[in-house]
Amino acid sequence: YISRFQEPGDIEAEFAQSGTERVLKEFLTYRNPGPLYLP
């Protein structure tokens, strides 16, 4: 996720497709102890 966050506008465009509320719920409910990947 931190690698994916680097390119300005890139992940923002994907978040826009998912919708703000959904993105926030995905983050806030994330409970996997492993690393977060966002292919």
PDB file of all heavy atoms in Angstrom:
ATOM      1  N   TYR A   1       0.810  -1.228   0.000  1.00  0.00           N
ATOM      2  CA  TYR A   1       0.000   0.000   0.000  1.00  0.00           C
ATOM      3  C   TYR A   1       0.841   1.276   0.000  1.00  0.00           C
ATOM      4  O   TYR A   1       0.520   2.238  -0.706  1.00  0.00           O
ATOM      5  CB  TYR A   1      -1.025  -0.015   1.148  1.00  0.00           C
ATOM      6  CG  TYR A   1      -0.482   0.299   2.529  1.00  0.00           C
ATOM      7  CD1 TYR A   1      -0.728   1.528   3.135  1.00  0.00           C
ATOM      8  CD2 TYR A   1       0.261  -0.647   3.242  1.00  0.00           C
ATOM      9  CE1 TYR A   1      -0.253   1.813   4.400  1.00  0.00           C
ATOM     10  CE2 TYR A   1       0.731  -0.374   4.506  1.00  0.00           C
ATOM     11  CZ  TYR A   1       0.482   0.865   5.090  1.00  0.00           C
ATOM     12  OH  TYR A   1       0.964   1.136   6.344  1.00  0.00           O
ATOM     13  N   ILE A   2       1.956   1.296   0.731  1.00  0.00           N
ATOM     14  CA  ILE A   2       2.781   2.510   0.767  1.00  0.00           C
ATOM     15  C   ILE A   2       3.451   2.741  -0.591  1.00  0.00           C
ATOM     16  O   ILE A   2       3.580   3.886  -1.044  1.00  0.00           O
ATOM     17  CB  ILE A   2       3.819   2.441   1.909  1.00  0.00           C
ATOM     18  CG1 ILE A   2       3.090   2.482   3.266  1.00  0.00           C
ATOM     19  CG2 ILE A   2       4.820   3.593   1.812  1.00  0.00           C
ATOM     20  CD1 ILE A   2       3.987   2.329   4.489  1.00  0.00           C
ATOM     21  N   SER A   3       3.845   1.662  -1.274  1.00  0.00           N
ATOM     22  CA  SER A   3       4.398   1.793  -2.633  1.00  0.00           C
ATOM     23  C   SER A   3       3.329   2.355  -3.581  1.00  0.00           C
ATOM     24  O   SER A   3       3.605   3.240  -4.395  1.00  0.00           O
ATOM     25  CB  SER A   3       4.879   0.435  -3.158  1.00  0.00           C
ATOM     26  OG  SER A   3       5.775  -0.184  -2.261  1.00  0.00           O
ATOM     27  N   ARG A   4       2.097   1.841  -3.460  1.00  0.00           N
ATOM     28  CA  ARG A   4       1.001   2.289  -4.323  1.00  0.00           C
ATOM     29  C   ARG A   4       0.601   3.743  -4.078  1.00  0.00           C
ATOM     30  O   ARG A   4       0.049   4.405  -4.948  1.00  0.00           O
ATOM     31  CB  ARG A   4      -0.234   1.387  -4.130  1.00  0.00           C
ATOM     32  CG  ARG A   4      -0.137  -0.013  -4.694  1.00  0.00           C
ATOM     33  CD  ARG A   4       0.008  -0.090  -6.199  1.00  0.00           C
ATOM     34  NE  ARG A   4      -0.747   0.909  -6.941  1.00  0.00           N
ATOM     35  CZ  ARG A   4      -2.049   0.850  -7.212  1.00  0.00           C
ATOM     36  NH1 ARG A   4      -2.775  -0.164  -6.793  1.00  0.00           N
ATOM     37  NH2 ARG A   4      -2.632   1.792  -7.895  1.00  0.00           N
ATOM     38  N   PHE A   5       0.871   4.242  -2.872  1.00  0.00           N
ATOM     39  CA  PHE A   5       0.492   5.615  -2.521  1.00  0.00           C
ATOM     40  C   PHE A   5       1.448   6.661  -3.103  1.00  0.00           C
ATOM     41  O   PHE A   5       1.176   7.858  -3.009  1.00  0.00           O
ATOM     42  CB  PHE A   5       0.489   5.793  -0.991  1.00  0.00           C
ATOM     43  CG  PHE A   5      -0.673   5.150  -0.282  1.00  0.00           C
ATOM     44  CD1 PHE A   5      -0.758   5.204   1.107  1.00  0.00           C
ATOM     45  CD2 PHE A   5      -1.682   4.504  -0.970  1.00  0.00           C
ATOM     46  CE1 PHE A   5      -1.826   4.625   1.788  1.00  0.00           C
ATOM     47  CE2 PHE A   5      -2.761   3.907  -0.305  1.00  0.00           C
ATOM     48  CZ  PHE A   5      -2.823   3.976   1.087  1.00  0.00           C
ATOM     49  N   GLN A   6       2.565   6.233  -3.702  1.00  0.00           N
ATOM     50  CA  GLN A   6       3.611   7.198  -4.041  1.00  0.00           C
ATOM     51  C   GLN A   6       3.297   8.075  -5.258  1.00  0.00           C
ATOM     52  O   GLN A   6       3.610   9.254  -5.274  1.00  0.00           O
ATOM     53  CB  GLN A   6       4.953   6.475  -4.255  1.00  0.00           C
ATOM     54  CG  GLN A   6       5.507   5.843  -2.992  1.00  0.00           C
ATOM     55  CD  GLN A   6       5.589   6.815  -1.826  1.00  0.00           C
ATOM     56  OE1 GLN A   6       6.101   7.932  -1.974  1.00  0.00           O
ATOM     57  NE2 GLN A   6       5.057   6.417  -0.683  1.00  0.00           N
ATOM     58  N   GLU A   7       2.699   7.502  -6.290  1.00  0.00           N
ATOM     59  CA  GLU A   7       2.487   8.238  -7.545  1.00  0.00           C
ATOM     60  C   GLU A   7       1.277   9.172  -7.400  1.00  0.00           C
ATOM     61  O   GLU A   7       0.148   8.702  -7.259  1.00  0.00           O
ATOM     62  CB  GLU A   7       2.239   7.242  -8.691  1.00  0.00           C
ATOM     63  CG  GLU A   7       2.085   7.859 -10.055  1.00  0.00           C
ATOM     64  CD  GLU A   7       3.282   8.696 -10.494  1.00  0.00           C
ATOM     65  OE1 GLU A   7       4.436   8.280 -10.255  1.00  0.00           O
ATOM     66  OE2 GLU A   7       3.049   9.776 -11.070  1.00  0.00           O
ATOM     67  N   PRO A   8       1.494  10.497  -7.420  1.00  0.00           N
ATOM     68  CA  PRO A   8       0.374  11.417  -7.202  1.00  0.00           C
ATOM     69  C   PRO A   8      -0.768  11.173  -8.200  1.00  0.00           C
ATOM     70  O   PRO A   8      -0.546  11.061  -9.400  1.00  0.00           O
ATOM     71  CB  PRO A   8       0.999  12.800  -7.408  1.00  0.00           C
ATOM     72  CG  PRO A   8       2.447  12.612  -7.098  1.00  0.00           C
ATOM     73  CD  PRO A   8       2.779  11.220  -7.569  1.00  0.00           C
ATOM     74  N   GLY A   9      -1.962  11.061  -7.662  1.00  0.00           N
ATOM     75  CA  GLY A   9      -3.149  10.904  -8.511  1.00  0.00           C
ATOM     76  C   GLY A   9      -3.498   9.472  -8.848  1.00  0.00           C
ATOM     77  O   GLY A   9      -4.643   9.171  -9.211  1.00  0.00           O
ATOM     78  N   ASP A  10      -2.548   8.567  -8.736  1.00  0.00           N
ATOM     79  CA  ASP A  10      -2.743   7.180  -9.172  1.00  0.00           C
ATOM     80  C   ASP A  10      -3.760   6.454  -8.281  1.00  0.00           C
ATOM     81  O   ASP A  10      -4.812   6.006  -8.744  1.00  0.00           O
ATOM     82  CB  ASP A  10      -1.382   6.460  -9.169  1.00  0.00           C
ATOM     83  CG  ASP A  10      -1.500   5.026  -9.677  1.00  0.00           C
ATOM     84  OD1 ASP A  10      -2.357   4.782 -10.539  1.00  0.00           O
ATOM     85  OD2 ASP A  10      -0.732   4.163  -9.208  1.00  0.00           O
ATOM     86  N   ILE A  11      -3.449   6.366  -6.994  1.00  0.00           N
ATOM     87  CA  ILE A  11      -4.354   5.654  -6.087  1.00  0.00           C
ATOM     88  C   ILE A  11      -5.635   6.461  -5.874  1.00  0.00           C
ATOM     89  O   ILE A  11      -6.712   5.899  -5.664  1.00  0.00           O
ATOM     90  CB  ILE A  11      -3.659   5.309  -4.748  1.00  0.00           C
ATOM     91  CG1 ILE A  11      -4.409   4.192  -4.002  1.00  0.00           C
ATOM     92  CG2 ILE A  11      -3.517   6.531  -3.862  1.00  0.00           C
ATOM     93  CD1 ILE A  11      -4.189   2.806  -4.562  1.00  0.00           C
ATOM     94  N   GLU A  12      -5.529   7.802  -5.963  1.00  0.00           N
ATOM     95  CA  GLU A  12      -6.730   8.635  -5.832  1.00  0.00           C
ATOM     96  C   GLU A  12      -7.768   8.268  -6.892  1.00  0.00           C
ATOM     97  O   GLU A  12      -8.975   8.224  -6.604  1.00  0.00           O
ATOM     98  CB  GLU A  12      -6.393  10.127  -5.969  1.00  0.00           C
ATOM     99  CG  GLU A  12      -5.677  10.733  -4.779  1.00  0.00           C
ATOM    100  CD  GLU A  12      -4.176  10.751  -4.913  1.00  0.00           C
ATOM    101  OE1 GLU A  12      -3.626   9.816  -5.554  1.00  0.00           O
ATOM    102  OE2 GLU A  12      -3.543  11.683  -4.404  1.00  0.00           O
ATOM    103  N   ALA A  13      -7.303   8.001  -8.114  1.00  0.00           N
ATOM    104  CA  ALA A  13      -8.229   7.638  -9.194  1.00  0.00           C
ATOM    105  C   ALA A  13      -8.923   6.315  -8.881  1.00  0.00           C
ATOM    106  O   ALA A  13     -10.130   6.152  -9.123  1.00  0.00           O
ATOM    107  CB  ALA A  13      -7.485   7.548 -10.524  1.00  0.00           C
ATOM    108  N   GLU A  14      -8.169   5.366  -8.326  1.00  0.00           N
ATOM    109  CA  GLU A  14      -8.778   4.085  -7.948  1.00  0.00           C
ATOM    110  C   GLU A  14      -9.764   4.251  -6.793  1.00  0.00           C
ATOM    111  O   GLU A  14     -10.834   3.642  -6.776  1.00  0.00           O
ATOM    112  CB  GLU A  14      -7.690   3.072  -7.584  1.00  0.00           C
ATOM    113  CG  GLU A  14      -6.873   2.637  -8.791  1.00  0.00           C
ATOM    114  CD  GLU A  14      -6.071   1.371  -8.529  1.00  0.00           C
ATOM    115  OE1 GLU A  14      -6.423   0.608  -7.610  1.00  0.00           O
ATOM    116  OE2 GLU A  14      -5.095   1.147  -9.259  1.00  0.00           O
ATOM    117  N   PHE A  15      -9.391   5.082  -5.819  1.00  0.00           N
ATOM    118  CA  PHE A  15     -10.304   5.340  -4.697  1.00  0.00           C
ATOM    119  C   PHE A  15     -11.591   5.994  -5.194  1.00  0.00           C
ATOM    120  O   PHE A  15     -12.681   5.705  -4.688  1.00  0.00           O
ATOM    121  CB  PHE A  15      -9.631   6.240  -3.649  1.00  0.00           C
ATOM    122  CG  PHE A  15      -8.594   5.538  -2.803  1.00  0.00           C
ATOM    123  CD1 PHE A  15      -7.817   6.257  -1.897  1.00  0.00           C
ATOM    124  CD2 PHE A  15      -8.397   4.160  -2.884  1.00  0.00           C
ATOM    125  CE1 PHE A  15      -6.867   5.627  -1.099  1.00  0.00           C
ATOM    126  CE2 PHE A  15      -7.439   3.523  -2.087  1.00  0.00           C
ATOM    127  CZ  PHE A  15      -6.675   4.260  -1.202  1.00  0.00           C
ATOM    128  N   ALA A  16     -11.464   6.879  -6.195  1.00  0.00           N
ATOM    129  CA  ALA A  16     -12.652   7.548  -6.738  1.00  0.00           C
ATOM    130  C   ALA A  16     -13.610   6.539  -7.367  1.00  0.00           C
ATOM    131  O   ALA A  16     -14.833   6.669  -7.263  1.00  0.00           O
ATOM    132  CB  ALA A  16     -12.236   8.602  -7.755  1.00  0.00           C
ATOM    133  N   GLN A  17     -13.054   5.511  -8.011  1.00  0.00           N
ATOM    134  CA  GLN A  17     -13.898   4.476  -8.620  1.00  0.00           C
ATOM    135  C   GLN A  17     -14.625   3.657  -7.557  1.00  0.00           C
ATOM    136  O   GLN A  17     -15.774   3.273  -7.731  1.00  0.00           O
ATOM    137  CB  GLN A  17     -13.054   3.549  -9.496  1.00  0.00           C
ATOM    138  CG  GLN A  17     -12.654   4.191 -10.815  1.00  0.00           C
ATOM    139  CD  GLN A  17     -11.881   3.221 -11.695  1.00  0.00           C
ATOM    140  OE1 GLN A  17     -10.995   2.518 -11.218  1.00  0.00           O
ATOM    141  NE2 GLN A  17     -12.214   3.173 -12.964  1.00  0.00           N
ATOM    142  N   SER A  18     -13.934   3.383  -6.444  1.00  0.00           N
ATOM    143  CA  SER A  18     -14.557   2.603  -5.364  1.00  0.00           C
ATOM    144  C   SER A  18     -15.581   3.427  -4.601  1.00  0.00           C
ATOM    145  O   SER A  18     -16.560   2.890  -4.089  1.00  0.00           O
ATOM    146  CB  SER A  18     -13.495   2.112  -4.380  1.00  0.00           C
ATOM    147  OG  SER A  18     -12.593   1.243  -5.012  1.00  0.00           O
ATOM    148  N   GLY A  19     -15.331   4.735  -4.496  1.00  0.00           N
ATOM    149  CA  GLY A  19     -16.199   5.610  -3.707  1.00  0.00           C
ATOM    150  C   GLY A  19     -15.614   5.854  -2.328  1.00  0.00           C
ATOM    151  O   GLY A  19     -15.067   4.941  -1.706  1.00  0.00           O
ATOM    152  N   THR A  20     -15.746   7.097  -1.870  1.00  0.00           N
ATOM    153  CA  THR A  20     -15.111   7.522  -0.616  1.00  0.00           C
ATOM    154  C   THR A  20     -15.521   6.656   0.565  1.00  0.00           C
ATOM    155  O   THR A  20     -14.675   6.175   1.334  1.00  0.00           O
ATOM    156  CB  THR A  20     -15.488   8.988  -0.315  1.00  0.00           C
ATOM    157  OG1 THR A  20     -15.067   9.785  -1.427  1.00  0.00           O
ATOM    158  CG2 THR A  20     -14.823   9.490   0.946  1.00  0.00           C
ATOM    159  N   GLU A  21     -16.825   6.446   0.717  1.00  0.00           N
ATOM    160  CA  GLU A  21     -17.305   5.721   1.897  1.00  0.00           C
ATOM    161  C   GLU A  21     -16.786   4.286   1.918  1.00  0.00           C
ATOM    162  O   GLU A  21     -16.349   3.780   2.955  1.00  0.00           O
ATOM    163  CB  GLU A  21     -18.841   5.720   1.927  1.00  0.00           C
ATOM    164  CG  GLU A  21     -19.395   5.153   3.216  1.00  0.00           C
ATOM    165  CD  GLU A  21     -20.923   5.181   3.255  1.00  0.00           C
ATOM    166  OE1 GLU A  21     -21.527   6.069   2.616  1.00  0.00           O
ATOM    167  OE2 GLU A  21     -21.485   4.303   3.918  1.00  0.00           O
ATOM    168  N   ARG A  22     -16.766   3.661   0.752  1.00  0.00           N
ATOM    169  CA  ARG A  22     -16.289   2.279   0.686  1.00  0.00           C
ATOM    170  C   ARG A  22     -14.797   2.188   1.036  1.00  0.00           C
ATOM    171  O   ARG A  22     -14.371   1.286   1.765  1.00  0.00           O
ATOM    172  CB  ARG A  22     -16.543   1.690  -0.698  1.00  0.00           C
ATOM    173  CG  ARG A  22     -16.066   0.253  -0.747  1.00  0.00           C
ATOM    174  CD  ARG A  22     -16.487  -0.553  -1.939  1.00  0.00           C
ATOM    175  NE  ARG A  22     -16.125  -1.938  -1.684  1.00  0.00           N
ATOM    176  CZ  ARG A  22     -16.952  -2.856  -1.193  1.00  0.00           C
ATOM    177  NH1 ARG A  22     -18.202  -2.553  -0.929  1.00  0.00           N
ATOM    178  NH2 ARG A  22     -16.535  -4.087  -0.969  1.00  0.00           N
ATOM    179  N   VAL A  23     -14.015   3.109   0.521  1.00  0.00           N
ATOM    180  CA  VAL A  23     -12.570   3.107   0.806  1.00  0.00           C
ATOM    181  C   VAL A  23     -12.330   3.241   2.311  1.00  0.00           C
ATOM    182  O   VAL A  23     -11.531   2.508   2.906  1.00  0.00           O
ATOM    183  CB  VAL A  23     -11.861   4.244   0.032  1.00  0.00           C
ATOM    184  CG1 VAL A  23     -10.426   4.420   0.513  1.00  0.00           C
ATOM    185  CG2 VAL A  23     -11.893   3.962  -1.466  1.00  0.00           C
ATOM    186  N   LEU A  24     -13.055   4.163   2.936  1.00  0.00           N
ATOM    187  CA  LEU A  24     -12.895   4.362   4.377  1.00  0.00           C
ATOM    188  C   LEU A  24     -13.293   3.112   5.156  1.00  0.00           C
ATOM    189  O   LEU A  24     -12.598   2.703   6.090  1.00  0.00           O
ATOM    190  CB  LEU A  24     -13.725   5.563   4.832  1.00  0.00           C
ATOM    191  CG  LEU A  24     -13.155   6.909   4.365  1.00  0.00           C
ATOM    192  CD1 LEU A  24     -14.206   8.005   4.480  1.00  0.00           C
ATOM    193  CD2 LEU A  24     -11.907   7.289   5.161  1.00  0.00           C
ATOM    194  N   LYS A  25     -14.401   2.494   4.764  1.00  0.00           N
ATOM    195  CA  LYS A  25     -14.831   1.265   5.445  1.00  0.00           C
ATOM    196  C   LYS A  25     -13.807   0.144   5.259  1.00  0.00           C
ATOM    197  O   LYS A  25     -13.543  -0.633   6.193  1.00  0.00           O
ATOM    198  CB  LYS A  25     -16.200   0.826   4.924  1.00  0.00           C
ATOM    199  CG  LYS A  25     -17.354   1.648   5.456  1.00  0.00           C
ATOM    200  CD  LYS A  25     -18.682   1.141   4.890  1.00  0.00           C
ATOM    201  CE  LYS A  25     -19.868   1.899   5.493  1.00  0.00           C
ATOM    202  NZ  LYS A  25     -21.152   1.474   4.895  1.00  0.00           N
ATOM    203  N   GLU A  26     -13.210   0.048   4.069  1.00  0.00           N
ATOM    204  CA  GLU A  26     -12.180  -0.980   3.826  1.00  0.00           C
ATOM    205  C   GLU A  26     -10.995  -0.783   4.776  1.00  0.00           C
ATOM    206  O   GLU A  26     -10.487  -1.744   5.364  1.00  0.00           O
ATOM    207  CB  GLU A  26     -11.699  -0.926   2.375  1.00  0.00           C
ATOM    208  CG  GLU A  26     -12.728  -1.388   1.352  1.00  0.00           C
ATOM    209  CD  GLU A  26     -12.747  -2.906   1.153  1.00  0.00           C
ATOM    210  OE1 GLU A  26     -12.245  -3.642   2.019  1.00  0.00           O
ATOM    211  OE2 GLU A  26     -13.296  -3.342   0.113  1.00  0.00           O
ATOM    212  N   PHE A  27     -10.545   0.466   4.917  1.00  0.00           N
ATOM    213  CA  PHE A  27      -9.419   0.733   5.819  1.00  0.00           C
ATOM    214  C   PHE A  27      -9.794   0.477   7.278  1.00  0.00           C
ATOM    215  O   PHE A  27      -9.073  -0.190   8.014  1.00  0.00           O
ATOM    216  CB  PHE A  27      -8.948   2.184   5.678  1.00  0.00           C
ATOM    217  CG  PHE A  27      -7.997   2.419   4.543  1.00  0.00           C
ATOM    218  CD1 PHE A  27      -8.318   3.290   3.507  1.00  0.00           C
ATOM    219  CD2 PHE A  27      -6.757   1.794   4.501  1.00  0.00           C
ATOM    220  CE1 PHE A  27      -7.437   3.513   2.460  1.00  0.00           C
ATOM    221  CE2 PHE A  27      -5.863   2.011   3.457  1.00  0.00           C
ATOM    222  CZ  PHE A  27      -6.212   2.880   2.440  1.00  0.00           C
ATOM    223  N   LEU A  28     -10.930   1.027   7.686  1.00  0.00           N
ATOM    224  CA  LEU A  28     -11.302   0.971   9.099  1.00  0.00           C
ATOM    225  C   LEU A  28     -11.625  -0.444   9.573  1.00  0.00           C
ATOM    226  O   LEU A  28     -11.502  -0.749  10.759  1.00  0.00           O
ATOM    227  CB  LEU A  28     -12.487   1.906   9.373  1.00  0.00           C
ATOM    228  CG  LEU A  28     -12.175   3.410   9.268  1.00  0.00           C
ATOM    229  CD1 LEU A  28     -13.455   4.232   9.243  1.00  0.00           C
ATOM    230  CD2 LEU A  28     -11.280   3.872  10.417  1.00  0.00           C
ATOM    231  N   THR A  29     -12.041  -1.313   8.644  1.00  0.00           N
ATOM    232  CA  THR A  29     -12.384  -2.691   9.040  1.00  0.00           C
ATOM    233  C   THR A  29     -11.249  -3.680   8.747  1.00  0.00           C
ATOM    234  O   THR A  29     -11.410  -4.879   8.953  1.00  0.00           O
ATOM    235  CB  THR A  29     -13.657  -3.173   8.313  1.00  0.00           C
ATOM    236  OG1 THR A  29     -13.436  -3.138   6.898  1.00  0.00           O
ATOM    237  CG2 THR A  29     -14.852  -2.295   8.651  1.00  0.00           C
ATOM    238  N   TYR A  30     -10.098  -3.193   8.281  1.00  0.00           N
ATOM    239  CA  TYR A  30      -8.980  -4.082   7.932  1.00  0.00           C
ATOM    240  C   TYR A  30      -8.419  -4.728   9.198  1.00  0.00           C
ATOM    241  O   TYR A  30      -7.992  -4.033  10.121  1.00  0.00           O
ATOM    242  CB  TYR A  30      -7.888  -3.281   7.213  1.00  0.00           C
ATOM    243  CG  TYR A  30      -6.763  -4.138   6.682  1.00  0.00           C
ATOM    244  CD1 TYR A  30      -6.901  -4.799   5.467  1.00  0.00           C
ATOM    245  CD2 TYR A  30      -5.569  -4.287   7.379  1.00  0.00           C
ATOM    246  CE1 TYR A  30      -5.870  -5.601   4.964  1.00  0.00           C
ATOM    247  CE2 TYR A  30      -4.538  -5.079   6.885  1.00  0.00           C
ATOM    248  CZ  TYR A  30      -4.701  -5.729   5.677  1.00  0.00           C
ATOM    249  OH  TYR A  30      -3.689  -6.516   5.189  1.00  0.00           O
ATOM    250  N   ARG A  31      -8.447  -6.054   9.256  1.00  0.00           N
ATOM    251  CA  ARG A  31      -7.967  -6.755  10.454  1.00  0.00           C
ATOM    252  C   ARG A  31      -6.963  -7.862  10.150  1.00  0.00           C
ATOM    253  O   ARG A  31      -6.653  -8.688  11.003  1.00  0.00           O
ATOM    254  CB  ARG A  31      -9.155  -7.368  11.205  1.00  0.00           C
ATOM    255  CG  ARG A  31      -9.920  -6.365  12.019  1.00  0.00           C
ATOM    256  CD  ARG A  31     -11.063  -7.019  12.736  1.00  0.00           C
ATOM    257  NE  ARG A  31     -10.627  -7.816  13.882  1.00  0.00           N
ATOM    258  CZ  ARG A  31     -10.231  -7.314  15.034  1.00  0.00           C
ATOM    259  NH1 ARG A  31     -10.177  -6.030  15.218  1.00  0.00           N
ATOM    260  NH2 ARG A  31      -9.871  -8.118  16.018  1.00  0.00           N
ATOM    261  N   ASN A  32      -6.461  -7.889   8.949  1.00  0.00           N
ATOM    262  CA  ASN A  32      -5.483  -8.907   8.591  1.00  0.00           C
ATOM    263  C   ASN A  32      -4.124  -8.495   9.161  1.00  0.00           C
ATOM    264  O   ASN A  32      -3.636  -7.415   8.843  1.00  0.00           O
ATOM    265  CB  ASN A  32      -5.430  -8.993   7.056  1.00  0.00           C
ATOM    266  CG  ASN A  32      -4.399  -9.986   6.566  1.00  0.00           C
ATOM    267  OD1 ASN A  32      -3.624 -10.516   7.344  1.00  0.00           O
ATOM    268  ND2 ASN A  32      -4.385 -10.216   5.268  1.00  0.00           N
ATOM    269  N   PRO A  33      -3.505  -9.329  10.008  1.00  0.00           N
ATOM    270  CA  PRO A  33      -2.202  -8.936  10.571  1.00  0.00           C
ATOM    271  C   PRO A  33      -1.080  -8.876   9.532  1.00  0.00           C
ATOM    272  O   PRO A  33      -0.016  -8.332   9.810  1.00  0.00           O
ATOM    273  CB  PRO A  33      -1.926  -9.999  11.635  1.00  0.00           C
ATOM    274  CG  PRO A  33      -2.812 -11.150  11.309  1.00  0.00           C
ATOM    275  CD  PRO A  33      -3.988 -10.611  10.563  1.00  0.00           C
ATOM    276  N   GLY A  34      -1.326  -9.441   8.350  1.00  0.00           N
ATOM    277  CA  GLY A  34      -0.309  -9.384   7.303  1.00  0.00           C
ATOM    278  C   GLY A  34      -0.287  -8.029   6.618  1.00  0.00           C
ATOM    279  O   GLY A  34      -1.134  -7.177   6.870  1.00  0.00           O
ATOM    280  N   PRO A  35       0.692  -7.801   5.746  1.00  0.00           N
ATOM    281  CA  PRO A  35       0.808  -6.511   5.065  1.00  0.00           C
ATOM    282  C   PRO A  35      -0.385  -6.245   4.147  1.00  0.00           C
ATOM    283  O   PRO A  35      -1.015  -7.169   3.641  1.00  0.00           O
ATOM    284  CB  PRO A  35       2.110  -6.629   4.265  1.00  0.00           C
ATOM    285  CG  PRO A  35       2.461  -8.075   4.235  1.00  0.00           C
ATOM    286  CD  PRO A  35       1.775  -8.732   5.383  1.00  0.00           C
ATOM    287  N   LEU A  36      -0.668  -4.965   3.949  1.00  0.00           N
ATOM    288  CA  LEU A  36      -1.790  -4.545   3.104  1.00  0.00           C
ATOM    289  C   LEU A  36      -1.286  -4.329   1.676  1.00  0.00           C
ATOM    290  O   LEU A  36      -0.407  -3.499   1.439  1.00  0.00           O
ATOM    291  CB  LEU A  36      -2.400  -3.254   3.661  1.00  0.00           C
ATOM    292  CG  LEU A  36      -3.462  -2.545   2.824  1.00  0.00           C
ATOM    293  CD1 LEU A  36      -4.648  -3.468   2.535  1.00  0.00           C
ATOM    294  CD2 LEU A  36      -3.944  -1.289   3.541  1.00  0.00           C
ATOM    295  N   TYR A  37      -1.833  -5.109   0.753  1.00  0.00           N
ATOM    296  CA  TYR A  37      -1.487  -4.968  -0.660  1.00  0.00           C
ATOM    297  C   TYR A  37      -2.686  -4.413  -1.425  1.00  0.00           C
ATOM    298  O   TYR A  37      -3.829  -4.807  -1.167  1.00  0.00           O
ATOM    299  CB  TYR A  37      -1.086  -6.321  -1.255  1.00  0.00           C
ATOM    300  CG  TYR A  37       0.216  -6.858  -0.708  1.00  0.00           C
ATOM    301  CD1 TYR A  37       0.236  -7.899   0.216  1.00  0.00           C
ATOM    302  CD2 TYR A  37       1.432  -6.298  -1.111  1.00  0.00           C
ATOM    303  CE1 TYR A  37       1.436  -8.383   0.733  1.00  0.00           C
ATOM    304  CE2 TYR A  37       2.635  -6.780  -0.594  1.00  0.00           C
ATOM    305  CZ  TYR A  37       2.630  -7.818   0.317  1.00  0.00           C
ATOM    306  OH  TYR A  37       3.815  -8.276   0.835  1.00  0.00           O
ATOM    307  N   LEU A  38      -2.416  -3.494  -2.338  1.00  0.00           N
ATOM    308  CA  LEU A  38      -3.470  -2.896  -3.169  1.00  0.00           C
ATOM    309  C   LEU A  38      -3.056  -3.005  -4.639  1.00  0.00           C
ATOM    310  O   LEU A  38      -2.649  -2.019  -5.250  1.00  0.00           O
ATOM    311  CB  LEU A  38      -3.674  -1.420  -2.786  1.00  0.00           C
ATOM    312  CG  LEU A  38      -4.136  -1.121  -1.361  1.00  0.00           C
ATOM    313  CD1 LEU A  38      -4.104   0.378  -1.085  1.00  0.00           C
ATOM    314  CD2 LEU A  38      -5.531  -1.681  -1.116  1.00  0.00           C
ATOM    315  N   PRO A  39      -3.143  -4.227  -5.220  1.00  0.00           N
ATOM    316  CA  PRO A  39      -2.705  -4.395  -6.608  1.00  0.00           C
ATOM    317  C   PRO A  39      -3.485  -3.461  -7.542  1.00  0.00           C
ATOM    318  O   PRO A  39      -4.681  -3.239  -7.343  1.00  0.00           O
ATOM    319  CB  PRO A  39      -3.027  -5.862  -6.917  1.00  0.00           C
ATOM    320  CG  PRO A  39      -3.222  -6.516  -5.598  1.00  0.00           C
ATOM    321  CD  PRO A  39      -3.690  -5.459  -4.649  1.00  0.00           C
TER     322      PRO A  39
END
